[in-house]
């Protein structure tokens, strides 16, 4: 269970193109980044992270489908991780992907990003368990916004839905 002071941002890498990682992250955080170069955007995000940390809030950034990230987005992830190089973590970041992510990270151009990874896990495929399937489906239905239920898709909606999800 995530603590009450932990905010979670969920990004699906398949939803943005090569230059859209930082704007997508900012959007999920409710920030409007000015049209600047990457360095200016990173400074804006860093200021936000510091302010959030100063108020006792912790941030967890989850990037799903990371194996589909273009090289420019991976470079932006690396630059973002450089913001968090002090003794105190401003945020935590987790990349989730298929085995192709390992191949991508072995590329010489991603060496600096690979060196910043502190933990790496490989999961076995889920086995079909008829007893757990209804619980998983119920959790997904309860936490995923649905126009059929009158839930409008808003910026940050997936993040809020993920915040509601608790691993049992």
C-alpha atoms as a PDB file:
ATOM      1  CA  UNK A   1       0.000   0.000   0.000  1.00  0.00           C
ATOM      2  CA  UNK A   2       1.300   3.408  -0.936  1.00  0.00           C
ATOM      3  CA  UNK A   3       1.414   5.838   1.945  1.00  0.00           C
ATOM      4  CA  UNK A   4      -0.818   8.868   2.219  1.00  0.00           C
ATOM      5  CA  UNK A   5       2.091  11.188   1.443  1.00  0.00           C
ATOM      6  CA  UNK A   6       3.048   9.368  -1.764  1.00  0.00           C
ATOM      7  CA  UNK A   7       1.768  10.617  -5.094  1.00  0.00           C
ATOM      8  CA  UNK A   8       2.015   8.272  -8.029  1.00  0.00           C
ATOM      9  CA  UNK A   9       2.338   9.292 -11.668  1.00  0.00           C
ATOM     10  CA  UNK A  10       1.650   6.608 -14.255  1.00  0.00           C
ATOM     11  CA  UNK A  11       2.855   7.142 -17.821  1.00  0.00           C
ATOM     12  CA  UNK A  12       2.452   4.689 -20.644  1.00  0.00           C
ATOM     13  CA  UNK A  13       5.392   5.094 -23.004  1.00  0.00           C
ATOM     14  CA  UNK A  14       3.253   3.932 -25.907  1.00  0.00           C
ATOM     15  CA  UNK A  15       1.211   7.144 -25.555  1.00  0.00           C
ATOM     16  CA  UNK A  16       3.904   9.651 -26.424  1.00  0.00           C
ATOM     17  CA  UNK A  17       6.422  10.236 -29.191  1.00  0.00           C
ATOM     18  CA  UNK A  18      10.097  11.134 -29.136  1.00  0.00           C
ATOM     19  CA  UNK A  19       9.950  14.638 -27.643  1.00  0.00           C
ATOM     20  CA  UNK A  20       6.886  14.254 -25.489  1.00  0.00           C
ATOM     21  CA  UNK A  21       8.186  12.569 -22.316  1.00  0.00           C
ATOM     22  CA  UNK A  22       8.799  15.685 -20.215  1.00  0.00           C
ATOM     23  CA  UNK A  23       5.545  17.412 -21.300  1.00  0.00           C
ATOM     24  CA  UNK A  24       3.611  14.193 -20.567  1.00  0.00           C
ATOM     25  CA  UNK A  25       5.139  13.992 -17.087  1.00  0.00           C
ATOM     26  CA  UNK A  26       4.411  17.664 -16.432  1.00  0.00           C
ATOM     27  CA  UNK A  27       0.812  17.215 -17.587  1.00  0.00           C
ATOM     28  CA  UNK A  28       0.265  14.318 -15.186  1.00  0.00           C
ATOM     29  CA  UNK A  29       1.685  16.497 -12.399  1.00  0.00           C
ATOM     30  CA  UNK A  30      -0.710  19.308 -13.341  1.00  0.00           C
ATOM     31  CA  UNK A  31       2.124  21.565 -14.550  1.00  0.00           C
ATOM     32  CA  UNK A  32       2.150  23.643 -17.691  1.00  0.00           C
ATOM     33  CA  UNK A  33       5.706  23.656 -18.994  1.00  0.00           C
ATOM     34  CA  UNK A  34       6.610  26.683 -21.095  1.00  0.00           C
ATOM     35  CA  UNK A  35       7.806  25.993 -24.617  1.00  0.00           C
ATOM     36  CA  UNK A  36      11.505  25.816 -23.857  1.00  0.00           C
ATOM     37  CA  UNK A  37      14.424  23.619 -24.520  1.00  0.00           C
ATOM     38  CA  UNK A  38      14.871  20.472 -22.462  1.00  0.00           C
ATOM     39  CA  UNK A  39      17.168  22.199 -19.931  1.00  0.00           C
ATOM     40  CA  UNK A  40      14.509  24.774 -19.046  1.00  0.00           C
ATOM     41  CA  UNK A  41      11.854  22.105 -18.722  1.00  0.00           C
ATOM     42  CA  UNK A  42      14.089  20.065 -16.442  1.00  0.00           C
ATOM     43  CA  UNK A  43      14.713  23.103 -14.206  1.00  0.00           C
ATOM     44  CA  UNK A  44      10.939  23.681 -13.951  1.00  0.00           C
ATOM     45  CA  UNK A  45      10.373  20.046 -13.005  1.00  0.00           C
ATOM     46  CA  UNK A  46      13.229  20.121 -10.493  1.00  0.00           C
ATOM     47  CA  UNK A  47      11.752  23.197  -8.805  1.00  0.00           C
ATOM     48  CA  UNK A  48       8.410  21.392  -8.598  1.00  0.00           C
ATOM     49  CA  UNK A  49      10.045  18.260  -7.139  1.00  0.00           C
ATOM     50  CA  UNK A  50      11.901  20.320  -4.523  1.00  0.00           C
ATOM     51  CA  UNK A  51       8.731  22.189  -3.548  1.00  0.00           C
ATOM     52  CA  UNK A  52       6.792  18.915  -3.302  1.00  0.00           C
ATOM     53  CA  UNK A  53       9.538  17.340  -1.188  1.00  0.00           C
ATOM     54  CA  UNK A  54       9.683  20.373   1.113  1.00  0.00           C
ATOM     55  CA  UNK A  55       5.984  19.892   1.920  1.00  0.00           C
ATOM     56  CA  UNK A  56       6.553  16.248   2.863  1.00  0.00           C
ATOM     57  CA  UNK A  57       5.149  14.764  -0.348  1.00  0.00           C
ATOM     58  CA  UNK A  58       6.902  11.881  -2.074  1.00  0.00           C
ATOM     59  CA  UNK A  59       6.614  11.125  -5.762  1.00  0.00           C
ATOM     60  CA  UNK A  60       6.694   7.790  -7.544  1.00  0.00           C
ATOM     61  CA  UNK A  61       6.945   7.945 -11.346  1.00  0.00           C
ATOM     62  CA  UNK A  62       5.982   4.740 -13.167  1.00  0.00           C
ATOM     63  CA  UNK A  63       6.764   4.380 -16.863  1.00  0.00           C
ATOM     64  CA  UNK A  64       5.015   1.435 -18.466  1.00  0.00           C
ATOM     65  CA  UNK A  65       5.879   0.010 -21.891  1.00  0.00           C
ATOM     66  CA  UNK A  66       9.378   1.464 -21.466  1.00  0.00           C
ATOM     67  CA  UNK A  67      10.641  -0.920 -24.135  1.00  0.00           C
ATOM     68  CA  UNK A  68       8.828   1.298 -26.681  1.00  0.00           C
ATOM     69  CA  UNK A  69      10.556   4.520 -25.619  1.00  0.00           C
ATOM     70  CA  UNK A  70      12.446   6.238 -28.420  1.00  0.00           C
ATOM     71  CA  UNK A  71      16.089   7.021 -27.747  1.00  0.00           C
ATOM     72  CA  UNK A  72      15.352  10.741 -27.259  1.00  0.00           C
ATOM     73  CA  UNK A  73      12.824   9.919 -24.532  1.00  0.00           C
ATOM     74  CA  UNK A  74      15.322   7.593 -22.840  1.00  0.00           C
ATOM     75  CA  UNK A  75      17.801  10.465 -22.832  1.00  0.00           C
ATOM     76  CA  UNK A  76      15.181  12.690 -21.180  1.00  0.00           C
ATOM     77  CA  UNK A  77      14.609   9.979 -18.548  1.00  0.00           C
ATOM     78  CA  UNK A  78      18.356   9.917 -17.902  1.00  0.00           C
ATOM     79  CA  UNK A  79      18.462  13.709 -17.581  1.00  0.00           C
ATOM     80  CA  UNK A  80      15.492  13.603 -15.212  1.00  0.00           C
ATOM     81  CA  UNK A  81      17.271  11.015 -13.068  1.00  0.00           C
ATOM     82  CA  UNK A  82      20.308  13.301 -12.870  1.00  0.00           C
ATOM     83  CA  UNK A  83      18.131  15.842 -11.041  1.00  0.00           C
ATOM     84  CA  UNK A  84      17.820  13.322  -8.248  1.00  0.00           C
ATOM     85  CA  UNK A  85      21.490  12.703  -7.577  1.00  0.00           C
ATOM     86  CA  UNK A  86      21.675  14.156  -4.057  1.00  0.00           C
ATOM     87  CA  UNK A  87      21.604  12.246  -0.771  1.00  0.00           C
ATOM     88  CA  UNK A  88      17.816  12.665  -0.506  1.00  0.00           C
ATOM     89  CA  UNK A  89      15.540  11.332  -3.205  1.00  0.00           C
ATOM     90  CA  UNK A  90      13.191  13.939  -4.695  1.00  0.00           C
ATOM     91  CA  UNK A  91      11.324  11.170  -6.510  1.00  0.00           C
ATOM     92  CA  UNK A  92      11.509   7.486  -7.357  1.00  0.00           C
ATOM     93  CA  UNK A  93      11.236   6.243 -10.908  1.00  0.00           C
ATOM     94  CA  UNK A  94      10.418   2.754 -12.152  1.00  0.00           C
ATOM     95  CA  UNK A  95      10.603   1.513 -15.730  1.00  0.00           C
ATOM     96  CA  UNK A  96       8.391  -1.419 -16.711  1.00  0.00           C
ATOM     97  CA  UNK A  97       8.785  -3.184 -20.012  1.00  0.00           C
ATOM     98  CA  UNK A  98       9.133  -6.329 -21.999  1.00  0.00           C
ATOM     99  CA  UNK A  99      12.489  -8.123 -22.372  1.00  0.00           C
ATOM    100  CA  UNK A 100      13.246  -5.743 -25.255  1.00  0.00           C
ATOM    101  CA  UNK A 101      13.904  -3.091 -22.579  1.00  0.00           C
ATOM    102  CA  UNK A 102      16.991  -5.036 -21.464  1.00  0.00           C
ATOM    103  CA  UNK A 103      18.250  -5.050 -25.053  1.00  0.00           C
ATOM    104  CA  UNK A 104      17.576  -1.323 -25.363  1.00  0.00           C
ATOM    105  CA  UNK A 105      19.479  -0.591 -22.154  1.00  0.00           C
ATOM    106  CA  UNK A 106      22.480  -2.592 -23.376  1.00  0.00           C
ATOM    107  CA  UNK A 107      22.927  -0.132 -26.234  1.00  0.00           C
ATOM    108  CA  UNK A 108      26.099   1.982 -25.762  1.00  0.00           C
ATOM    109  CA  UNK A 109      24.018   5.163 -26.169  1.00  0.00           C
ATOM    110  CA  UNK A 110      22.025   4.301 -23.006  1.00  0.00           C
ATOM    111  CA  UNK A 111      25.042   3.442 -20.845  1.00  0.00           C
ATOM    112  CA  UNK A 112      24.608   6.435 -18.513  1.00  0.00           C
ATOM    113  CA  UNK A 113      20.940   5.596 -17.935  1.00  0.00           C
ATOM    114  CA  UNK A 114      21.777   1.924 -17.325  1.00  0.00           C
ATOM    115  CA  UNK A 115      24.388   2.940 -14.729  1.00  0.00           C
ATOM    116  CA  UNK A 116      21.732   4.846 -12.764  1.00  0.00           C
ATOM    117  CA  UNK A 117      19.461   1.818 -12.411  1.00  0.00           C
ATOM    118  CA  UNK A 118      19.724   0.532  -8.853  1.00  0.00           C
ATOM    119  CA  UNK A 119      17.338  -2.459  -9.007  1.00  0.00           C
ATOM    120  CA  UNK A 120      16.272  -4.700 -11.838  1.00  0.00           C
ATOM    121  CA  UNK A 121      13.733  -7.510 -11.672  1.00  0.00           C
ATOM    122  CA  UNK A 122      12.499 -10.061 -14.152  1.00  0.00           C
ATOM    123  CA  UNK A 123       9.039 -11.466 -13.581  1.00  0.00           C
ATOM    124  CA  UNK A 124       7.691 -14.772 -14.744  1.00  0.00           C
ATOM    125  CA  UNK A 125       4.502 -14.770 -16.751  1.00  0.00           C
ATOM    126  CA  UNK A 126       1.342 -14.831 -14.647  1.00  0.00           C
ATOM    127  CA  UNK A 127      -0.247 -18.217 -14.443  1.00  0.00           C
ATOM    128  CA  UNK A 128      -3.964 -18.472 -14.978  1.00  0.00           C
ATOM    129  CA  UNK A 129      -5.577 -18.550 -11.589  1.00  0.00           C
ATOM    130  CA  UNK A 130      -9.368 -18.661 -11.829  1.00  0.00           C
ATOM    131  CA  UNK A 131      -9.697 -17.683  -8.161  1.00  0.00           C
ATOM    132  CA  UNK A 132      -7.757 -14.408  -8.555  1.00  0.00           C
ATOM    133  CA  UNK A 133      -9.123 -13.296 -11.929  1.00  0.00           C
ATOM    134  CA  UNK A 134     -12.420 -11.831 -10.573  1.00  0.00           C
ATOM    135  CA  UNK A 135     -10.499  -9.807  -7.957  1.00  0.00           C
ATOM    136  CA  UNK A 136      -8.101  -8.422 -10.575  1.00  0.00           C
ATOM    137  CA  UNK A 137     -10.955  -7.520 -12.938  1.00  0.00           C
ATOM    138  CA  UNK A 138     -12.905  -5.855 -10.118  1.00  0.00           C
ATOM    139  CA  UNK A 139      -9.878  -3.745  -9.130  1.00  0.00           C
ATOM    140  CA  UNK A 140      -9.284  -2.663 -12.718  1.00  0.00           C
ATOM    141  CA  UNK A 141     -12.946  -1.777 -13.246  1.00  0.00           C
ATOM    142  CA  UNK A 142     -13.081   0.168  -9.980  1.00  0.00           C
ATOM    143  CA  UNK A 143      -9.934   2.207 -10.641  1.00  0.00           C
ATOM    144  CA  UNK A 144     -10.123   2.854 -14.382  1.00  0.00           C
ATOM    145  CA  UNK A 145     -12.093   5.944 -15.504  1.00  0.00           C
ATOM    146  CA  UNK A 146     -15.095   5.032 -17.645  1.00  0.00           C
ATOM    147  CA  UNK A 147     -17.354   7.339 -19.703  1.00  0.00           C
ATOM    148  CA  UNK A 148     -20.098   4.711 -19.229  1.00  0.00           C
ATOM    149  CA  UNK A 149     -20.093   5.512 -15.483  1.00  0.00           C
ATOM    150  CA  UNK A 150     -19.909   9.251 -16.127  1.00  0.00           C
ATOM    151  CA  UNK A 151     -16.173   9.448 -15.425  1.00  0.00           C
ATOM    152  CA  UNK A 152     -14.659  11.973 -17.795  1.00  0.00           C
ATOM    153  CA  UNK A 153     -11.093  11.439 -18.944  1.00  0.00           C
ATOM    154  CA  UNK A 154      -9.188  14.427 -17.581  1.00  0.00           C
ATOM    155  CA  UNK A 155      -5.445  15.181 -17.544  1.00  0.00           C
ATOM    156  CA  UNK A 156      -3.990  13.257 -14.648  1.00  0.00           C
ATOM    157  CA  UNK A 157      -6.996  10.912 -14.462  1.00  0.00           C
ATOM    158  CA  UNK A 158      -4.864   7.785 -14.878  1.00  0.00           C
ATOM    159  CA  UNK A 159      -2.574   8.989 -12.117  1.00  0.00           C
ATOM    160  CA  UNK A 160      -5.518   9.475  -9.766  1.00  0.00           C
ATOM    161  CA  UNK A 161      -6.921   6.072 -10.742  1.00  0.00           C
ATOM    162  CA  UNK A 162      -3.561   4.444 -10.075  1.00  0.00           C
ATOM    163  CA  UNK A 163      -3.370   6.198  -6.693  1.00  0.00           C
ATOM    164  CA  UNK A 164      -6.595   4.388  -5.775  1.00  0.00           C
ATOM    165  CA  UNK A 165      -5.185   1.006  -6.720  1.00  0.00           C
ATOM    166  CA  UNK A 166      -3.825  -0.843  -3.729  1.00  0.00           C
ATOM    167  CA  UNK A 167      -1.875  -4.037  -4.108  1.00  0.00           C
ATOM    168  CA  UNK A 168      -3.372  -6.724  -1.907  1.00  0.00           C
END
